[in-house]
Amino acid sequence: MSRFVVVGVDGSKAAAAALDWAVDDAARRGLALRVVLVRQPWAAEHPRSGDHESRTEQCHRLLDAAADRARARSPGLETTTALVTGAVIERLRTESETADTVVIGSRGLGGFAGLVLGSAGLGLAGHTHGPLVIVRGPAHTSYGEVVVGFDGSSGSDAAIAYALEQARARGARLHAIYGRPYPITAPHPAGFGPLPPDALDLEERLSSWRERYPEAEVVGSVVPGHPAPVLADASRSADLVVLGSRGLGGLAAAVLGSVSHAVLHRAHCPIAVIPTPDR
């Protein structure tokens, strides 16, 4: 099978939630699962804690446990494991070159307890070669809705395409949301990029997707307010929120836009970050 979902594990609760999400996603979309544990080269092989288990043995034990959990959750799922050595962000970025999607927990073992999003999530968002999904915790409720952020940028179609694939696999509704941060009649300051889309533009863009996938339920909303809190609020009743890594408001050199960055810290459900097409 050429397409697979990569999930990074490290023994943390967040990684376990990410593993469960990745198993379900791979099973729904007919993909294989690759469970990856990144061993950092500076970690000692024999910890001084008195534990007789070596670092290598510990890593293989964690991988075996993750594979067992995946197979128990989805017995027919093709599951492989890999122990790789290097910096976590760099190795998972390399994994993204051949993966359909990379899935990680919002915060691993190395993070501070008060942080919502760990360094791996911040380091990978916008830098992967394909979709990155960050899972904050186990899902207790299914809402039957996938939310995608729309701003009229070139990345919007890439985000909608992935969101639509997710919605179709789940049998869920796709809800495209454009958060309008100022009134329609407000003057647009010169030199700050192209004009933002209006409600008609959103409906025109969505109509082409409805024509291509008539079996999918696709709705759009233009909501007054800054996109970050609008999308964060929508995440309360969504199974997944899909964002482009950079929209109209970001600097051309910025890989991750301010809206995506803010939503990553405030969302209540898993977030998928889709790299801009020019990457």
C-alpha atoms as a PDB file:
ATOM      1  CA  MET A   1       0.000   0.000   0.000  1.00  0.00           C
ATOM      2  CA  SER A   2       1.588   3.276  -1.101  1.00  0.00           C
ATOM      3  CA  ARG A   3      -0.424   5.655   1.097  1.00  0.00           C
ATOM      4  CA  PHE A   4      -0.190   5.564   4.855  1.00  0.00           C
ATOM      5  CA  VAL A   5      -0.767   7.637   7.973  1.00  0.00           C
ATOM      6  CA  VAL A   6       2.292   8.264  10.149  1.00  0.00           C
ATOM      7  CA  VAL A   7       1.770   8.757  13.870  1.00  0.00           C
ATOM      8  CA  GLY A   8       4.489   9.781  16.303  1.00  0.00           C
ATOM      9  CA  VAL A   9       4.462   8.134  19.725  1.00  0.00           C
ATOM     10  CA  ASP A  10       6.494   8.662  22.890  1.00  0.00           C
ATOM     11  CA  GLY A  11       4.525   6.943  25.639  1.00  0.00           C
ATOM     12  CA  SER A  12       2.569  10.054  26.674  1.00  0.00           C
ATOM     13  CA  LYS A  13      -1.211  10.303  27.037  1.00  0.00           C
ATOM     14  CA  ALA A  14      -1.335  12.823  24.194  1.00  0.00           C
ATOM     15  CA  ALA A  15       0.520  10.387  21.946  1.00  0.00           C
ATOM     16  CA  ALA A  16      -1.968   7.645  22.841  1.00  0.00           C
ATOM     17  CA  ALA A  17      -4.826   9.940  21.779  1.00  0.00           C
ATOM     18  CA  ALA A  18      -2.970  10.707  18.545  1.00  0.00           C
ATOM     19  CA  LEU A  19      -2.478   6.992  17.920  1.00  0.00           C
ATOM     20  CA  ASP A  20      -6.189   6.295  18.349  1.00  0.00           C
ATOM     21  CA  TRP A  21      -7.046   9.151  15.965  1.00  0.00           C
ATOM     22  CA  ALA A  22      -4.544   7.910  13.386  1.00  0.00           C
ATOM     23  CA  VAL A  23      -5.871   4.332  13.603  1.00  0.00           C
ATOM     24  CA  ASP A  24      -9.438   5.490  13.029  1.00  0.00           C
ATOM     25  CA  ASP A  25      -8.414   7.810  10.207  1.00  0.00           C
ATOM     26  CA  ALA A  26      -6.375   5.146   8.397  1.00  0.00           C
ATOM     27  CA  ALA A  27      -9.170   2.596   8.762  1.00  0.00           C
ATOM     28  CA  ARG A  28     -11.839   5.037   7.496  1.00  0.00           C
ATOM     29  CA  ARG A  29      -9.832   6.080   4.444  1.00  0.00           C
ATOM     30  CA  GLY A  30      -8.384   2.670   3.561  1.00  0.00           C
ATOM     31  CA  LEU A  31      -4.783   3.573   4.346  1.00  0.00           C
ATOM     32  CA  ALA A  32      -1.986   1.769   6.176  1.00  0.00           C
ATOM     33  CA  LEU A  33      -0.586   2.926   9.529  1.00  0.00           C
ATOM     34  CA  ARG A  34       3.081   3.582  10.328  1.00  0.00           C
ATOM     35  CA  VAL A  35       3.887   4.070  14.013  1.00  0.00           C
ATOM     36  CA  VAL A  36       7.121   6.018  14.519  1.00  0.00           C
ATOM     37  CA  LEU A  37       9.132   6.578  17.680  1.00  0.00           C
ATOM     38  CA  VAL A  38      12.009   9.052  17.399  1.00  0.00           C
ATOM     39  CA  ARG A  39      14.936   8.334  19.673  1.00  0.00           C
ATOM     40  CA  GLN A  40      17.062  11.397  20.280  1.00  0.00           C
ATOM     41  CA  PRO A  41      20.771  10.548  19.845  1.00  0.00           C
ATOM     42  CA  TRP A  42      21.872  12.360  22.986  1.00  0.00           C
ATOM     43  CA  ALA A  43      19.683  10.209  25.251  1.00  0.00           C
ATOM     44  CA  ALA A  44      21.800   7.783  27.276  1.00  0.00           C
ATOM     45  CA  GLU A  45      21.427   4.089  26.459  1.00  0.00           C
ATOM     46  CA  HIS A  46      21.434   3.150  30.144  1.00  0.00           C
ATOM     47  CA  PRO A  47      19.572   5.658  32.348  1.00  0.00           C
ATOM     48  CA  ARG A  48      20.891   6.250  35.847  1.00  0.00           C
ATOM     49  CA  SER A  49      17.508   5.731  37.448  1.00  0.00           C
ATOM     50  CA  GLY A  50      18.324   2.150  38.372  1.00  0.00           C
ATOM     51  CA  ASP A  51      16.056   0.767  35.665  1.00  0.00           C
ATOM     52  CA  HIS A  52      17.641  -2.325  34.125  1.00  0.00           C
ATOM     53  CA  GLU A  53      15.847  -1.716  30.838  1.00  0.00           C
ATOM     54  CA  SER A  54      18.059  -0.036  28.237  1.00  0.00           C
ATOM     55  CA  ARG A  55      16.848   2.910  26.183  1.00  0.00           C
ATOM     56  CA  THR A  56      16.640   0.732  23.064  1.00  0.00           C
ATOM     57  CA  GLU A  57      14.616  -1.911  24.888  1.00  0.00           C
ATOM     58  CA  GLN A  58      12.319   0.775  26.261  1.00  0.00           C
ATOM     59  CA  CYS A  59      11.730   2.208  22.775  1.00  0.00           C
ATOM     60  CA  HIS A  60      10.893  -1.185  21.303  1.00  0.00           C
ATOM     61  CA  ARG A  61       8.551  -1.905  24.211  1.00  0.00           C
ATOM     62  CA  LEU A  62       6.698   1.361  23.587  1.00  0.00           C
ATOM     63  CA  LEU A  63       6.467   0.621  19.868  1.00  0.00           C
ATOM     64  CA  ASP A  64       5.184  -2.902  20.482  1.00  0.00           C
ATOM     65  CA  ALA A  65       2.585  -1.581  22.912  1.00  0.00           C
ATOM     66  CA  ALA A  66       1.481   1.049  20.388  1.00  0.00           C
ATOM     67  CA  ALA A  67       1.185  -1.552  17.629  1.00  0.00           C
ATOM     68  CA  ASP A  68      -0.831  -3.830  19.915  1.00  0.00           C
ATOM     69  CA  ARG A  69      -3.150  -0.935  20.770  1.00  0.00           C
ATOM     70  CA  ALA A  70      -3.615  -0.118  17.078  1.00  0.00           C
ATOM     71  CA  ARG A  71      -4.363  -3.720  16.097  1.00  0.00           C
ATOM     72  CA  ALA A  72      -6.806  -4.112  18.980  1.00  0.00           C
ATOM     73  CA  ARG A  73      -8.632  -0.955  17.910  1.00  0.00           C
ATOM     74  CA  SER A  74      -8.705  -1.941  14.220  1.00  0.00           C
ATOM     75  CA  PRO A  75      -7.798  -5.632  13.752  1.00  0.00           C
ATOM     76  CA  GLY A  76      -7.671  -5.549   9.944  1.00  0.00           C
ATOM     77  CA  LEU A  77      -5.485  -2.448   9.701  1.00  0.00           C
ATOM     78  CA  GLU A  78      -2.053  -2.847   8.084  1.00  0.00           C
ATOM     79  CA  THR A  79       0.289  -1.600  10.826  1.00  0.00           C
ATOM     80  CA  THR A  80       4.076  -1.236  10.834  1.00  0.00           C
ATOM     81  CA  THR A  81       6.477   0.333  13.324  1.00  0.00           C
ATOM     82  CA  ALA A  82       9.757   2.187  13.009  1.00  0.00           C
ATOM     83  CA  LEU A  83      12.398   3.296  15.514  1.00  0.00           C
ATOM     84  CA  VAL A  84      14.369   6.201  14.053  1.00  0.00           C
ATOM     85  CA  THR A  85      17.178   8.256  15.563  1.00  0.00           C
ATOM     86  CA  GLY A  86      17.516  12.014  15.363  1.00  0.00           C
ATOM     87  CA  ALA A  87      15.790  15.249  16.304  1.00  0.00           C
ATOM     88  CA  VAL A  88      12.030  14.728  16.621  1.00  0.00           C
ATOM     89  CA  ILE A  89      10.959  17.607  14.381  1.00  0.00           C
ATOM     90  CA  GLU A  90      13.450  16.828  11.629  1.00  0.00           C
ATOM     91  CA  ARG A  91      12.692  13.113  11.535  1.00  0.00           C
ATOM     92  CA  LEU A  92       8.925  13.578  11.487  1.00  0.00           C
ATOM     93  CA  ARG A  93       9.325  16.204   8.780  1.00  0.00           C
ATOM     94  CA  THR A  94      11.247  13.606   6.769  1.00  0.00           C
ATOM     95  CA  GLU A  95       8.487  11.073   7.412  1.00  0.00           C
ATOM     96  CA  SER A  96       5.987  13.555   5.944  1.00  0.00           C
ATOM     97  CA  GLU A  97       7.722  13.367   2.552  1.00  0.00           C
ATOM     98  CA  THR A  98       6.189   9.940   1.882  1.00  0.00           C
ATOM     99  CA  ALA A  99       3.147  10.011   4.178  1.00  0.00           C
ATOM    100  CA  ASP A 100      -0.451  10.900   3.406  1.00  0.00           C
ATOM    101  CA  THR A 101      -0.764  12.543   6.830  1.00  0.00           C
ATOM    102  CA  VAL A 102       1.403  12.939   9.939  1.00  0.00           C
ATOM    103  CA  VAL A 103      -0.390  12.777  13.300  1.00  0.00           C
ATOM    104  CA  ILE A 104       1.060  13.865  16.653  1.00  0.00           C
ATOM    105  CA  GLY A 105      -0.208  14.631  20.130  1.00  0.00           C
ATOM    106  CA  SER A 106      -0.481  18.247  21.206  1.00  0.00           C
ATOM    107  CA  ARG A 107       2.127  17.835  23.933  1.00  0.00           C
ATOM    108  CA  GLY A 108       4.552  15.001  24.602  1.00  0.00           C
ATOM    109  CA  LEU A 109       6.598  13.871  27.576  1.00  0.00           C
ATOM    110  CA  GLY A 110       9.154  16.627  27.194  1.00  0.00           C
ATOM    111  CA  GLY A 111       6.761  19.579  27.545  1.00  0.00           C
ATOM    112  CA  PHE A 112       5.717  21.703  30.493  1.00  0.00           C
ATOM    113  CA  ALA A 113       2.392  20.717  32.028  1.00  0.00           C
ATOM    114  CA  GLY A 114       0.860  24.155  31.450  1.00  0.00           C
ATOM    115  CA  LEU A 115       1.513  24.285  27.712  1.00  0.00           C
ATOM    116  CA  VAL A 116      -1.371  23.558  25.350  1.00  0.00           C
ATOM    117  CA  LEU A 117       0.866  22.926  22.349  1.00  0.00           C
ATOM    118  CA  GLY A 118       4.345  21.413  22.536  1.00  0.00           C
ATOM    119  CA  SER A 119       7.490  22.290  20.620  1.00  0.00           C
ATOM    120  CA  ALA A 120       7.005  19.463  18.110  1.00  0.00           C
ATOM    121  CA  GLY A 121       3.596  20.778  17.068  1.00  0.00           C
ATOM    122  CA  LEU A 122       4.864  24.332  16.702  1.00  0.00           C
ATOM    123  CA  GLY A 123       7.979  23.168  14.882  1.00  0.00           C
ATOM    124  CA  LEU A 124       6.106  20.966  12.418  1.00  0.00           C
ATOM    125  CA  ALA A 125       3.009  23.050  11.652  1.00  0.00           C
ATOM    126  CA  GLY A 126       3.468  24.542   8.206  1.00  0.00           C
ATOM    127  CA  HIS A 127       6.749  22.711   7.625  1.00  0.00           C
ATOM    128  CA  THR A 128       5.502  19.257   6.667  1.00  0.00           C
ATOM    129  CA  HIS A 129       5.148  18.120   3.060  1.00  0.00           C
ATOM    130  CA  GLY A 130       1.528  17.066   3.610  1.00  0.00           C
ATOM    131  CA  PRO A 131      -1.246  17.471   6.178  1.00  0.00           C
ATOM    132  CA  LEU A 132      -0.270  17.576   9.851  1.00  0.00           C
ATOM    133  CA  VAL A 133      -2.924  16.646  12.424  1.00  0.00           C
ATOM    134  CA  ILE A 134      -2.440  17.672  16.052  1.00  0.00           C
ATOM    135  CA  VAL A 135      -4.616  15.800  18.551  1.00  0.00           C
ATOM    136  CA  ARG A 136      -5.197  17.374  21.927  1.00  0.00           C
ATOM    137  CA  GLY A 137      -6.967  14.509  23.686  1.00  0.00           C
ATOM    138  CA  PRO A 138      -9.321  11.560  23.239  1.00  0.00           C
ATOM    139  CA  ALA A 139     -12.600  12.246  21.450  1.00  0.00           C
ATOM    140  CA  HIS A 140     -15.635  11.560  23.651  1.00  0.00           C
ATOM    141  CA  THR A 141     -18.330  12.848  21.280  1.00  0.00           C
ATOM    142  CA  SER A 142     -18.926  12.685  17.537  1.00  0.00           C
ATOM    143  CA  TYR A 143     -20.567  15.823  16.105  1.00  0.00           C
ATOM    144  CA  GLY A 144     -20.761  14.795  12.453  1.00  0.00           C
ATOM    145  CA  GLU A 145     -19.113  18.007  11.243  1.00  0.00           C
ATOM    146  CA  VAL A 146     -15.726  18.939   9.792  1.00  0.00           C
ATOM    147  CA  VAL A 147     -14.913  22.668   9.862  1.00  0.00           C
ATOM    148  CA  VAL A 148     -12.546  24.304   7.383  1.00  0.00           C
ATOM    149  CA  GLY A 149     -11.263  27.853   7.584  1.00  0.00           C
ATOM    150  CA  PHE A 150     -11.737  29.899   4.396  1.00  0.00           C
ATOM    151  CA  ASP A 151     -10.089  33.228   3.556  1.00  0.00           C
ATOM    152  CA  GLY A 152      -9.923  33.250  -0.231  1.00  0.00           C
ATOM    153  CA  SER A 153      -6.194  32.493  -0.345  1.00  0.00           C
ATOM    154  CA  SER A 154      -4.593  29.910  -2.630  1.00  0.00           C
ATOM    155  CA  GLY A 155      -4.336  27.602   0.353  1.00  0.00           C
ATOM    156  CA  SER A 156      -8.102  27.573   0.885  1.00  0.00           C
ATOM    157  CA  ASP A 157      -8.747  25.061  -1.896  1.00  0.00           C
ATOM    158  CA  ALA A 158      -6.057  22.714  -0.532  1.00  0.00           C
ATOM    159  CA  ALA A 159      -7.637  22.932   2.916  1.00  0.00           C
ATOM    160  CA  ILE A 160     -11.140  22.382   1.524  1.00  0.00           C
ATOM    161  CA  ALA A 161      -9.961  19.362  -0.491  1.00  0.00           C
ATOM    162  CA  TYR A 162      -8.542  17.658   2.605  1.00  0.00           C
ATOM    163  CA  ALA A 163     -11.521  18.657   4.742  1.00  0.00           C
ATOM    164  CA  LEU A 164     -13.894  17.250   2.142  1.00  0.00           C
ATOM    165  CA  GLU A 165     -11.984  13.945   2.063  1.00  0.00           C
ATOM    166  CA  GLN A 166     -12.248  13.754   5.835  1.00  0.00           C
ATOM    167  CA  ALA A 167     -15.952  14.637   5.832  1.00  0.00           C
ATOM    168  CA  ARG A 168     -16.782  12.055   3.158  1.00  0.00           C
ATOM    169  CA  ALA A 169     -14.883   9.324   5.019  1.00  0.00           C
ATOM    170  CA  ARG A 170     -16.792  10.145   8.217  1.00  0.00           C
ATOM    171  CA  GLY A 171     -20.179  10.652   6.576  1.00  0.00           C
ATOM    172  CA  ALA A 172     -20.082  14.140   8.086  1.00  0.00           C
ATOM    173  CA  ARG A 173     -21.042  17.625   6.941  1.00  0.00           C
ATOM    174  CA  LEU A 174     -18.357  20.018   5.680  1.00  0.00           C
ATOM    175  CA  HIS A 175     -18.746  23.517   7.124  1.00  0.00           C
ATOM    176  CA  ALA A 176     -16.574  26.226   5.535  1.00  0.00           C
ATOM    177  CA  ILE A 177     -16.250  29.299   7.742  1.00  0.00           C
ATOM    178  CA  TYR A 178     -14.938  32.716   6.818  1.00  0.00           C
ATOM    179  CA  GLY A 179     -14.367  34.977   9.838  1.00  0.00           C
ATOM    180  CA  ARG A 180     -14.758  38.589   8.711  1.00  0.00           C
ATOM    181  CA  PRO A 181     -12.748  40.808  11.077  1.00  0.00           C
ATOM    182  CA  TYR A 182     -14.312  44.104   9.948  1.00  0.00           C
ATOM    183  CA  PRO A 183     -17.570  45.359   8.403  1.00  0.00           C
ATOM    184  CA  ILE A 184     -18.145  44.943   4.679  1.00  0.00           C
ATOM    185  CA  THR A 185     -18.261  48.734   4.253  1.00  0.00           C
ATOM    186  CA  ALA A 186     -14.972  49.362   6.088  1.00  0.00           C
ATOM    187  CA  PRO A 187     -12.219  50.847   3.881  1.00  0.00           C
ATOM    188  CA  HIS A 188      -9.412  48.446   2.984  1.00  0.00           C
ATOM    189  CA  PRO A 189      -5.972  49.908   3.801  1.00  0.00           C
ATOM    190  CA  ALA A 190      -3.737  50.141   0.758  1.00  0.00           C
ATOM    191  CA  GLY A 191      -0.608  48.025   0.747  1.00  0.00           C
ATOM    192  CA  PHE A 192      -1.975  45.259   2.971  1.00  0.00           C
ATOM    193  CA  GLY A 193      -2.618  42.606   0.355  1.00  0.00           C
ATOM    194  CA  PRO A 194      -5.647  41.677  -1.757  1.00  0.00           C
ATOM    195  CA  LEU A 195      -9.203  42.433  -0.784  1.00  0.00           C
ATOM    196  CA  PRO A 196     -10.774  39.750   1.426  1.00  0.00           C
ATOM    197  CA  PRO A 197     -13.501  37.559  -0.096  1.00  0.00           C
ATOM    198  CA  ASP A 198     -17.164  38.305   0.407  1.00  0.00           C
ATOM    199  CA  ALA A 199     -20.057  35.938   0.986  1.00  0.00           C
ATOM    200  CA  LEU A 200     -20.649  35.550  -2.752  1.00  0.00           C
ATOM    201  CA  ASP A 201     -17.023  34.519  -3.340  1.00  0.00           C
ATOM    202  CA  LEU A 202     -17.308  31.865  -0.628  1.00  0.00           C
ATOM    203  CA  GLU A 203     -20.457  30.421  -2.204  1.00  0.00           C
ATOM    204  CA  GLU A 204     -18.891  30.490  -5.680  1.00  0.00           C
ATOM    205  CA  ARG A 205     -15.837  28.610  -4.449  1.00  0.00           C
ATOM    206  CA  LEU A 206     -17.961  26.061  -2.633  1.00  0.00           C
ATOM    207  CA  SER A 207     -20.269  25.523  -5.601  1.00  0.00           C
ATOM    208  CA  SER A 208     -17.450  23.942  -7.617  1.00  0.00           C
ATOM    209  CA  TRP A 209     -16.855  21.439  -4.819  1.00  0.00           C
ATOM    210  CA  ARG A 210     -20.565  20.664  -4.595  1.00  0.00           C
ATOM    211  CA  GLU A 211     -20.603  19.966  -8.336  1.00  0.00           C
ATOM    212  CA  ARG A 212     -17.634  17.604  -8.079  1.00  0.00           C
ATOM    213  CA  TYR A 213     -18.947  15.811  -4.997  1.00  0.00           C
ATOM    214  CA  PRO A 214     -22.768  16.013  -5.117  1.00  0.00           C
ATOM    215  CA  GLU A 215     -23.065  13.324  -2.449  1.00  0.00           C
ATOM    216  CA  ALA A 216     -21.317  15.531   0.127  1.00  0.00           C
ATOM    217  CA  GLU A 217     -23.141  18.064   2.291  1.00  0.00           C
ATOM    218  CA  VAL A 218     -21.234  21.344   2.054  1.00  0.00           C
ATOM    219  CA  VAL A 219     -22.322  24.552   3.770  1.00  0.00           C
ATOM    220  CA  GLY A 220     -20.642  27.926   4.157  1.00  0.00           C
ATOM    221  CA  SER A 221     -20.865  30.701   6.730  1.00  0.00           C
ATOM    222  CA  VAL A 222     -19.521  34.237   6.874  1.00  0.00           C
ATOM    223  CA  VAL A 223     -19.175  35.075  10.560  1.00  0.00           C
ATOM    224  CA  PRO A 224     -18.340  38.549  11.897  1.00  0.00           C
ATOM    225  CA  GLY A 225     -15.248  38.579  14.042  1.00  0.00           C
ATOM    226  CA  HIS A 226     -11.566  37.741  13.879  1.00  0.00           C
ATOM    227  CA  PRO A 227     -11.011  34.300  12.271  1.00  0.00           C
ATOM    228  CA  ALA A 228      -9.020  32.863  15.206  1.00  0.00           C
ATOM    229  CA  PRO A 229     -11.717  33.068  17.924  1.00  0.00           C
ATOM    230  CA  VAL A 230     -14.434  32.289  15.342  1.00  0.00           C
ATOM    231  CA  LEU A 231     -12.744  29.022  14.355  1.00  0.00           C
ATOM    232  CA  ALA A 232     -11.787  28.211  17.939  1.00  0.00           C
ATOM    233  CA  ASP A 233     -15.433  28.580  18.942  1.00  0.00           C
ATOM    234  CA  ALA A 234     -16.543  26.398  16.007  1.00  0.00           C
ATOM    235  CA  SER A 235     -14.117  23.699  17.181  1.00  0.00           C
ATOM    236  CA  ARG A 236     -16.306  23.100  20.249  1.00  0.00           C
ATOM    237  CA  SER A 237     -18.834  21.241  18.104  1.00  0.00           C
ATOM    238  CA  ALA A 238     -16.590  19.850  15.365  1.00  0.00           C
ATOM    239  CA  ASP A 239     -14.793  16.534  14.922  1.00  0.00           C
ATOM    240  CA  LEU A 240     -11.927  18.220  13.071  1.00  0.00           C
ATOM    241  CA  VAL A 241     -10.881  21.746  12.094  1.00  0.00           C
ATOM    242  CA  VAL A 242      -8.833  22.104   8.903  1.00  0.00           C
ATOM    243  CA  LEU A 243      -6.648  25.160   8.287  1.00  0.00           C
ATOM    244  CA  GLY A 244      -4.283  26.310   5.599  1.00  0.00           C
ATOM    245  CA  SER A 245      -0.854  26.992   7.043  1.00  0.00           C
ATOM    246  CA  ARG A 246      -0.850  30.582   5.781  1.00  0.00           C
ATOM    247  CA  GLY A 247      -3.636  32.814   4.506  1.00  0.00           C
ATOM    248  CA  LEU A 248      -4.051  36.275   3.027  1.00  0.00           C
ATOM    249  CA  GLY A 249      -3.102  38.107   6.167  1.00  0.00           C
ATOM    250  CA  GLY A 250       0.339  36.585   6.622  1.00  0.00           C
ATOM    251  CA  LEU A 251       3.708  37.764   5.396  1.00  0.00           C
ATOM    252  CA  ALA A 252       4.872  35.916   2.284  1.00  0.00           C
ATOM    253  CA  ALA A 253       7.900  34.569   4.137  1.00  0.00           C
ATOM    254  CA  ALA A 254       5.898  33.251   7.081  1.00  0.00           C
ATOM    255  CA  VAL A 255       5.327  29.500   6.925  1.00  0.00           C
ATOM    256  CA  LEU A 256       2.654  29.473   9.634  1.00  0.00           C
ATOM    257  CA  GLY A 257       0.168  32.324   9.699  1.00  0.00           C
ATOM    258  CA  SER A 258      -1.053  34.111  12.807  1.00  0.00           C
ATOM    259  CA  VAL A 259      -4.590  32.707  12.535  1.00  0.00           C
ATOM    260  CA  SER A 260      -3.395  29.093  12.274  1.00  0.00           C
ATOM    261  CA  HIS A 261      -0.974  29.688  15.138  1.00  0.00           C
ATOM    262  CA  ALA A 262      -3.721  31.115  17.352  1.00  0.00           C
ATOM    263  CA  VAL A 263      -6.260  28.383  16.553  1.00  0.00           C
ATOM    264  CA  LEU A 264      -3.690  25.671  17.323  1.00  0.00           C
ATOM    265  CA  HIS A 265      -3.485  27.028  20.871  1.00  0.00           C
ATOM    266  CA  ARG A 266      -7.234  27.496  21.372  1.00  0.00           C
ATOM    267  CA  ALA A 267      -8.978  24.637  19.582  1.00  0.00           C
ATOM    268  CA  HIS A 268     -11.104  22.064  21.402  1.00  0.00           C
ATOM    269  CA  CYS A 269     -10.780  19.298  18.784  1.00  0.00           C
ATOM    270  CA  PRO A 270      -8.044  17.897  16.509  1.00  0.00           C
ATOM    271  CA  ILE A 271      -6.566  20.417  14.072  1.00  0.00           C
ATOM    272  CA  ALA A 272      -5.268  19.627  10.573  1.00  0.00           C
ATOM    273  CA  VAL A 273      -2.760  22.094   9.125  1.00  0.00           C
ATOM    274  CA  ILE A 274      -2.412  21.901   5.342  1.00  0.00           C
ATOM    275  CA  PRO A 275       0.788  23.318   3.809  1.00  0.00           C
ATOM    276  CA  THR A 276       0.404  25.987   1.154  1.00  0.00           C
ATOM    277  CA  PRO A 277       0.483  24.595  -2.396  1.00  0.00           C
ATOM    278  CA  ASP A 278       3.690  26.455  -3.301  1.00  0.00           C
ATOM    279  CA  ARG A 279       5.528  24.355  -0.715  1.00  0.00           C
END
